[in-house]
Amino acid sequence: MMRGFLFVFLLFSNSVAMAQLDSATSDILTTPKFRYGIYQKFSEFRLNTPSITNGFTIKIDSGDYLKYSLYDLKGKKIRNVYGFSDGKSTFINAKVYGQSNYFVPFLMLGQILYFEDNVAKSNAYSTQLGLSMYGVAGATVSFFIGQAKANQNPGWVMFFPDNDGNAYMLSRQTMKSILTEYDTELLELYNKESDKNDYKTLIKYLLEFNQRNKLLDVTEK
């Protein structure tokens, strides 16, 4: 269940470590420190400028997968915000990509931002399989198939230059879409891979893209 998370954690530990220094800047991709607070919208996240900095608590939800929730001082769950930072890491609201109001941590910041959400991945697979293969009555069967696929690849990505804050499943389709528009040389290499859907292959090209495009300016594309 935690294979994917541990694999990515080891790859990205150096990136996360950079956020442990003292000073903060208004660029979420390069800041040496994340400002503590709640991002009410994507623009606040992008600029590392949370607009709510007190009057809330962070709680880890119990269950099979790691997720977080926010509560106000009266114990009411905080909903409909983009994300938050605990000062060490940043978190995205699962509602951004069609799930309920809970939060998961970003594991990598770059032109392609990466995080993992097993619950959302299995839900997405369940919906696709339940409607296309089994009909609505097959939702229970498709859920377990989806859960297995989520454990194989629980990854989600957000393409930072899109400037809309939307997130998508890490897949062959999303990777090819980005590479087709922004890095055709890397796309050519990716197209030669024998298994373009393999989790490690996708992570490999995600990392390579971020390394090659650290200063990507979409206005030049």
Protein backbone atom coordinates (compact mmCIF):
# COMPACT_ATOMS: atom_id res chain seq x y z
CA MET A 1 0.00 0.00 0.00
CA MET A 2 2.82 2.40 0.81
CA ARG A 3 5.20 1.19 -1.93
CA GLY A 4 4.51 4.10 -4.23
CA PHE A 5 4.72 6.67 -1.46
CA LEU A 6 8.04 5.36 -0.15
CA PHE A 7 9.53 5.16 -3.64
CA VAL A 8 8.66 8.78 -4.38
CA PHE A 9 9.59 9.95 -0.89
CA LEU A 10 13.14 8.71 -1.36
CA LEU A 11 13.38 10.32 -4.78
CA PHE A 12 12.09 13.68 -3.60
CA SER A 13 13.53 13.92 -0.09
CA ASN A 14 16.13 16.44 -1.20
CA SER A 15 13.45 18.67 -2.71
CA VAL A 16 11.41 18.64 0.47
CA ALA A 17 14.48 19.30 2.59
CA MET A 18 15.02 22.65 0.88
CA ALA A 19 11.94 23.99 2.66
CA GLN A 20 13.49 23.66 6.10
CA LEU A 21 15.55 26.88 6.02
CA ASP A 22 14.60 30.22 7.55
CA SER A 23 13.44 32.74 4.95
CA ALA A 24 10.31 32.57 2.78
CA THR A 25 9.76 33.99 -0.69
CA SER A 26 6.67 34.44 -2.86
CA ASP A 27 7.45 31.59 -5.25
CA ILE A 28 6.19 28.19 -4.14
CA LEU A 29 8.63 26.35 -6.43
CA THR A 30 11.81 27.97 -5.13
CA THR A 31 11.03 29.26 -1.64
CA PRO A 32 13.33 27.91 1.09
CA LYS A 33 10.42 28.00 3.56
CA PHE A 34 6.68 27.46 3.32
CA ARG A 35 4.53 30.04 5.09
CA TYR A 36 2.13 28.54 7.63
CA GLY A 37 -1.55 28.90 6.86
CA ILE A 38 -4.47 28.16 4.56
CA TYR A 39 -4.48 28.90 0.84
CA GLN A 40 -8.04 29.88 -0.01
CA LYS A 41 -7.30 29.75 -3.74
CA PHE A 42 -4.61 28.58 -6.14
CA SER A 43 -3.06 32.03 -6.57
CA GLU A 44 -2.24 32.09 -2.85
CA PHE A 45 -0.59 28.68 -3.11
CA ARG A 46 1.39 29.75 -6.16
CA LEU A 47 2.75 32.80 -4.33
CA ASN A 48 3.30 31.01 -1.00
CA THR A 49 1.01 33.55 0.65
CA PRO A 50 -1.73 31.87 2.72
CA SER A 51 -4.47 34.34 3.61
CA ILE A 52 -5.57 32.52 6.80
CA THR A 53 -2.74 32.11 9.29
CA ASN A 54 -4.52 31.32 12.57
CA GLY A 55 -7.79 30.11 14.04
CA PHE A 56 -7.59 26.55 12.73
CA THR A 57 -6.19 23.14 13.63
CA ILE A 58 -4.76 20.37 11.47
CA LYS A 59 -5.78 16.78 12.12
CA ILE A 60 -4.61 13.54 10.56
CA ASP A 61 -7.54 11.36 9.54
CA SER A 62 -7.49 7.75 10.66
CA GLY A 63 -7.97 5.06 8.05
CA ASP A 64 -6.10 3.03 5.47
CA TYR A 65 -4.53 6.02 3.71
CA LEU A 66 -2.78 9.16 4.88
CA LYS A 67 -4.99 12.26 4.65
CA TYR A 68 -5.57 15.43 6.65
CA SER A 69 -8.47 17.69 7.61
CA LEU A 70 -8.77 21.28 8.82
CA TYR A 71 -11.06 22.47 11.62
CA ASP A 72 -11.88 25.90 12.98
CA LEU A 73 -11.67 26.66 16.68
CA LYS A 74 -15.32 25.60 17.15
CA GLY A 75 -14.54 22.16 15.76
CA LYS A 76 -16.27 22.73 12.43
CA LYS A 77 -14.58 21.22 9.39
CA ILE A 78 -13.10 23.80 7.05
CA ARG A 79 -14.18 23.22 3.45
CA ASN A 80 -13.78 24.74 0.01
CA VAL A 81 -10.24 26.04 0.33
CA TYR A 82 -7.44 25.17 -2.09
CA GLY A 83 -4.87 23.87 0.39
CA PHE A 84 -2.67 24.67 3.35
CA SER A 85 0.86 24.56 4.69
CA ASP A 86 1.99 23.41 8.11
CA GLY A 87 5.21 25.38 7.63
CA LYS A 88 7.14 22.31 6.51
CA SER A 89 5.01 20.80 3.74
CA THR A 90 2.18 21.89 1.48
CA PHE A 91 -1.17 20.11 1.02
CA ILE A 92 -3.88 20.16 -1.66
CA ASN A 93 -7.61 19.80 -1.07
CA ALA A 94 -8.90 16.63 -2.75
CA LYS A 95 -12.00 18.55 -3.77
CA VAL A 96 -9.83 20.29 -6.40
CA TYR A 97 -9.81 17.02 -8.35
CA GLY A 98 -13.35 15.87 -7.64
CA GLN A 99 -13.09 14.16 -4.26
CA SER A 100 -14.37 15.17 -0.83
CA ASN A 101 -12.87 17.74 1.54
CA TYR A 102 -9.64 16.18 2.77
CA PHE A 103 -6.01 17.08 2.11
CA VAL A 104 -2.95 15.20 0.91
CA PRO A 105 0.67 16.42 0.84
CA PHE A 106 2.60 17.37 -2.26
CA LEU A 107 5.61 15.08 -2.59
CA MET A 108 7.38 17.12 -5.24
CA LEU A 109 7.26 20.75 -6.35
CA GLY A 110 8.35 21.52 -9.89
CA GLN A 111 6.85 22.40 -13.26
CA ILE A 112 4.97 19.12 -12.76
CA LEU A 113 3.87 18.93 -9.13
CA TYR A 114 3.31 15.43 -7.76
CA PHE A 115 1.26 13.93 -4.94
CA GLU A 116 -0.40 10.61 -4.15
CA ASP A 117 -4.00 9.80 -3.28
CA ASN A 118 -4.97 6.13 -3.22
CA VAL A 119 -8.59 6.86 -2.34
CA ALA A 120 -9.11 9.19 -5.29
CA LYS A 121 -7.29 6.87 -7.67
CA SER A 122 -9.43 3.88 -6.71
CA ASN A 123 -12.57 6.03 -6.93
CA ALA A 124 -11.63 7.15 -10.43
CA TYR A 125 -10.96 3.62 -11.60
CA SER A 126 -14.14 2.39 -9.96
CA THR A 127 -16.22 4.98 -11.78
CA GLN A 128 -14.64 4.20 -15.14
CA LEU A 129 -14.89 0.43 -14.75
CA GLY A 130 -18.29 0.43 -13.09
CA LEU A 131 -19.89 2.40 -15.92
CA SER A 132 -18.07 0.97 -18.90
CA MET A 133 -17.54 -2.70 -17.99
CA TYR A 134 -20.12 -3.77 -15.45
CA GLY A 135 -22.84 -1.14 -15.38
CA VAL A 136 -23.85 0.66 -12.21
CA ALA A 137 -24.63 -2.64 -10.47
CA GLY A 138 -20.98 -3.62 -10.79
CA ALA A 139 -19.67 -0.73 -8.71
CA THR A 140 -18.60 -2.96 -5.81
CA VAL A 141 -16.58 -5.23 -8.07
CA SER A 142 -15.01 -2.31 -9.88
CA PHE A 143 -14.07 -0.65 -6.58
CA PHE A 144 -11.78 -3.52 -5.64
CA ILE A 145 -10.23 -3.57 -9.10
CA GLY A 146 -9.73 0.17 -8.85
CA GLN A 147 -8.18 -0.14 -5.40
CA ALA A 148 -5.62 -2.61 -6.73
CA LYS A 149 -4.71 -0.29 -9.61
CA ALA A 150 -4.45 2.65 -7.22
CA ASN A 151 -1.91 0.77 -5.12
CA GLN A 152 0.13 0.16 -8.25
CA ASN A 153 0.05 3.84 -9.24
CA PRO A 154 -1.53 6.26 -6.76
CA GLY A 155 0.04 9.29 -8.45
CA TRP A 156 -1.59 12.62 -9.32
CA VAL A 157 -0.03 15.63 -11.01
CA MET A 158 -0.62 19.31 -11.49
CA PHE A 159 1.09 21.12 -14.36
CA PHE A 160 2.17 24.40 -12.80
CA PRO A 161 2.41 26.53 -15.99
CA ASP A 162 -1.27 25.86 -16.73
CA ASN A 163 -1.94 28.38 -13.95
CA ASP A 164 -5.35 26.91 -13.10
CA GLY A 165 -4.45 24.67 -10.16
CA ASN A 166 -6.25 21.64 -11.57
CA ALA A 167 -4.89 18.15 -10.84
CA TYR A 168 -5.03 14.96 -12.90
CA MET A 169 -4.16 11.30 -12.54
CA LEU A 170 -0.57 10.45 -13.44
CA SER A 171 -1.01 8.45 -16.64
CA ARG A 172 0.29 7.94 -20.14
CA GLN A 173 -2.29 10.43 -21.40
CA THR A 174 -1.32 13.25 -19.03
CA MET A 175 2.41 12.69 -19.55
CA LYS A 176 2.11 12.65 -23.35
CA SER A 177 -0.07 15.76 -23.29
CA ILE A 178 2.59 17.74 -21.42
CA LEU A 179 5.53 16.39 -23.42
CA THR A 180 3.78 16.93 -26.76
CA GLU A 181 3.36 20.63 -26.07
CA TYR A 182 6.48 21.44 -24.06
CA ASP A 183 9.27 18.93 -24.67
CA THR A 184 9.09 17.01 -27.96
CA GLU A 185 12.64 15.70 -27.56
CA LEU A 186 11.69 14.00 -24.30
CA LEU A 187 8.43 12.84 -25.89
CA GLU A 188 10.40 10.99 -28.55
CA LEU A 189 12.29 9.11 -25.85
CA TYR A 190 9.10 8.39 -23.92
CA ASN A 191 7.41 6.97 -27.03
CA LYS A 192 10.19 4.39 -27.29
CA GLU A 193 9.44 2.98 -23.83
CA SER A 194 7.95 -0.51 -23.89
CA ASP A 195 5.49 0.18 -21.07
CA LYS A 196 4.36 3.78 -21.09
CA ASN A 197 1.80 3.16 -18.33
CA ASP A 198 4.31 1.73 -15.86
CA TYR A 199 4.50 3.74 -12.63
CA LYS A 200 8.31 3.87 -12.57
CA THR A 201 8.44 4.90 -16.22
CA LEU A 202 6.03 7.77 -15.60
CA ILE A 203 7.99 8.91 -12.53
CA LYS A 204 11.23 8.71 -14.52
CA TYR A 205 9.93 11.10 -17.19
CA LEU A 206 8.25 13.36 -14.66
CA LEU A 207 11.60 13.81 -12.91
CA GLU A 208 13.43 14.26 -16.20
CA PHE A 209 10.96 16.88 -17.41
CA ASN A 210 11.28 18.88 -14.19
CA GLN A 211 15.06 18.71 -14.37
CA ARG A 212 15.11 19.90 -17.99
CA ASN A 213 12.45 22.60 -17.56
CA LYS A 214 13.17 24.28 -14.24
CA LEU A 215 12.60 27.75 -15.69
CA LEU A 216 9.82 26.89 -18.13
CA ASP A 217 8.01 29.99 -19.42
CA VAL A 218 4.74 29.11 -21.12
CA THR A 219 4.65 32.53 -22.81
CA GLU A 220 7.46 31.29 -25.03
CA LYS A 221 5.54 28.18 -26.14
